[in-house]
């Protein structure tokens, strides 16, 4: 059975501490804070089992028209499981699709633009995890050469 999550990204200028807010620095050197709600553990993530079908994250920015999504980048998506499609007619929403055909742990990085700060970009990143079916494989043991 496929999994579909709805995720909202909140962004604000300045550093915030605690309550799920993460501090970051925008391309203009200014501090910002972001917080994801919805998704796995209510922090923007996605966790599913391989073979359960495609999974999606419906992602939107929950603020005034100040912020827009300039795209989504994927980190450690070595098996090319993830893709981004903006919502037609919106600069603040879109869908991440996870093919969910192989096990992998990846991050997606939402690239947000601040229209009131000369187009400064802000990078915001939660995690996507595709767990294998059945028991987890045993970890490999590496031996150092002597």
Protein backbone atom coordinates (compact mmCIF):
# COMPACT_ATOMS: atom_id res chain seq x y z
CA UNK A 1 0.00 0.00 0.00
CA UNK A 2 1.47 3.33 -1.02
CA UNK A 3 2.07 6.05 1.53
CA UNK A 4 1.14 9.69 1.06
CA UNK A 5 2.23 12.41 3.46
CA UNK A 6 1.26 16.06 3.66
CA UNK A 7 4.08 18.30 4.86
CA UNK A 8 4.13 22.01 5.62
CA UNK A 9 7.35 24.02 5.85
CA UNK A 10 7.39 27.12 8.05
CA UNK A 11 10.20 29.64 7.65
CA UNK A 12 11.06 32.84 9.47
CA UNK A 13 13.98 35.24 9.55
CA UNK A 14 16.24 35.05 12.61
CA UNK A 15 17.43 32.19 14.77
CA UNK A 16 14.96 30.26 16.94
CA UNK A 17 15.77 27.73 19.59
CA UNK A 18 13.79 24.58 20.37
CA UNK A 19 10.23 23.51 19.67
CA UNK A 20 11.26 21.80 16.43
CA UNK A 21 12.84 24.87 14.80
CA UNK A 22 16.17 24.41 13.01
CA UNK A 23 18.56 27.30 12.48
CA UNK A 24 20.27 27.83 9.15
CA UNK A 25 22.07 30.57 7.26
CA UNK A 26 20.73 31.87 3.95
CA UNK A 27 22.81 32.71 0.89
CA UNK A 28 22.89 36.37 2.01
CA UNK A 29 24.57 35.38 5.31
CA UNK A 30 21.47 36.11 7.41
CA UNK A 31 20.07 33.62 9.95
CA UNK A 32 16.70 31.95 9.34
CA UNK A 33 14.76 29.22 11.09
CA UNK A 34 12.63 26.48 9.57
CA UNK A 35 10.26 23.87 10.90
CA UNK A 36 8.51 21.02 9.10
CA UNK A 37 5.16 19.70 10.27
CA UNK A 38 3.42 16.59 8.99
CA UNK A 39 5.19 13.56 7.62
CA UNK A 40 7.14 10.95 9.59
CA UNK A 41 7.40 11.96 13.27
CA UNK A 42 5.78 15.30 12.37
CA UNK A 43 9.12 16.61 11.06
CA UNK A 44 8.69 16.42 7.29
CA UNK A 45 10.16 12.96 6.76
CA UNK A 46 8.88 9.87 5.01
CA UNK A 47 9.41 6.26 6.05
CA UNK A 48 8.02 3.34 4.12
CA UNK A 49 8.73 -0.31 3.25
CA UNK A 50 10.21 -1.25 -0.11
CA UNK A 51 7.60 -2.76 -2.38
CA UNK A 52 4.62 -0.92 -0.89
CA UNK A 53 4.31 1.16 -4.06
CA UNK A 54 5.21 4.75 -4.81
CA UNK A 55 5.08 7.13 -1.89
CA UNK A 56 4.55 10.87 -2.06
CA UNK A 57 5.07 13.96 0.03
CA UNK A 58 2.77 16.87 -0.78
CA UNK A 59 4.97 19.78 0.28
CA UNK A 60 3.95 23.40 0.76
CA UNK A 61 5.37 26.54 2.34
CA UNK A 62 3.11 27.87 5.10
CA UNK A 63 3.77 31.59 5.14
CA UNK A 64 2.73 34.72 3.36
CA UNK A 65 3.80 35.26 -0.24
CA UNK A 66 7.27 36.22 0.96
CA UNK A 67 8.67 32.71 0.41
CA UNK A 68 8.57 30.41 -2.61
CA UNK A 69 10.00 26.97 -3.38
CA UNK A 70 12.75 27.22 -5.99
CA UNK A 71 13.16 23.45 -6.18
CA UNK A 72 14.01 20.37 -4.18
CA UNK A 73 17.44 18.73 -4.21
CA UNK A 74 18.13 15.16 -3.11
CA UNK A 75 21.13 14.02 -1.08
CA UNK A 76 22.25 10.38 -0.95
CA UNK A 77 19.56 9.33 -3.45
CA UNK A 78 22.06 6.91 -4.97
CA UNK A 79 19.36 4.67 -6.46
CA UNK A 80 17.49 7.59 -8.11
CA UNK A 81 14.30 6.92 -6.18
CA UNK A 82 13.21 10.54 -5.68
CA UNK A 83 11.80 13.25 -7.92
CA UNK A 84 10.21 16.70 -7.52
CA UNK A 85 7.25 18.15 -9.40
CA UNK A 86 6.07 21.70 -8.64
CA UNK A 87 2.31 22.22 -8.40
CA UNK A 88 1.05 23.95 -11.56
CA UNK A 89 0.27 27.60 -10.91
CA UNK A 90 1.96 27.67 -7.49
CA UNK A 91 5.42 28.77 -6.43
CA UNK A 92 4.88 27.50 -2.91
CA UNK A 93 3.90 23.83 -3.34
CA UNK A 94 4.72 20.58 -5.12
CA UNK A 95 5.07 16.82 -4.78
CA UNK A 96 8.06 14.63 -3.99
CA UNK A 97 7.65 11.12 -5.40
CA UNK A 98 9.56 8.16 -3.99
CA UNK A 99 9.61 5.14 -6.34
CA UNK A 100 10.21 2.99 -3.26
CA UNK A 101 11.70 0.09 -5.18
CA UNK A 102 15.01 -0.26 -3.29
CA UNK A 103 16.15 0.38 0.29
CA UNK A 104 17.92 3.67 0.90
CA UNK A 105 18.10 6.60 3.30
CA UNK A 106 18.08 10.00 1.64
CA UNK A 107 17.52 13.62 2.47
CA UNK A 108 15.56 16.15 0.50
CA UNK A 109 16.57 19.75 0.64
CA UNK A 110 13.84 22.28 -0.02
CA UNK A 111 15.36 25.34 -1.67
CA UNK A 112 13.32 28.35 -0.56
CA UNK A 113 13.64 31.90 -1.89
CA UNK A 114 12.93 34.95 0.27
CA UNK A 115 11.28 37.52 -2.00
CA UNK A 116 11.84 40.27 0.59
CA UNK A 117 15.58 39.68 0.86
CA UNK A 118 16.68 40.12 -2.77
CA UNK A 119 16.06 36.45 -3.58
CA UNK A 120 18.19 34.98 -0.80
CA UNK A 121 18.05 31.17 -0.82
CA UNK A 122 17.41 29.09 2.29
CA UNK A 123 18.11 25.33 2.38
CA UNK A 124 15.81 23.18 4.57
CA UNK A 125 16.38 19.39 4.87
CA UNK A 126 14.49 16.49 6.52
CA UNK A 127 14.95 12.72 5.77
CA UNK A 128 13.35 10.02 3.58
CA UNK A 129 13.88 6.37 4.53
CA UNK A 130 12.98 3.24 2.53
CA UNK A 131 13.37 0.23 4.83
CA UNK A 132 14.00 -3.21 3.32
CA UNK A 133 11.31 -5.89 3.66
CA UNK A 134 11.94 -8.57 6.25
CA UNK A 135 14.86 -8.63 8.67
CA UNK A 136 17.52 -5.97 8.37
CA UNK A 137 20.81 -7.25 6.92
CA UNK A 138 23.61 -7.80 9.38
CA UNK A 139 26.22 -5.05 9.44
CA UNK A 140 29.47 -5.70 7.66
CA UNK A 141 32.57 -6.14 9.77
CA UNK A 142 35.63 -4.45 8.36
CA UNK A 143 39.07 -5.61 9.43
CA UNK A 144 42.00 -3.23 9.19
CA UNK A 145 45.06 -4.64 7.45
CA UNK A 146 48.00 -5.12 9.77
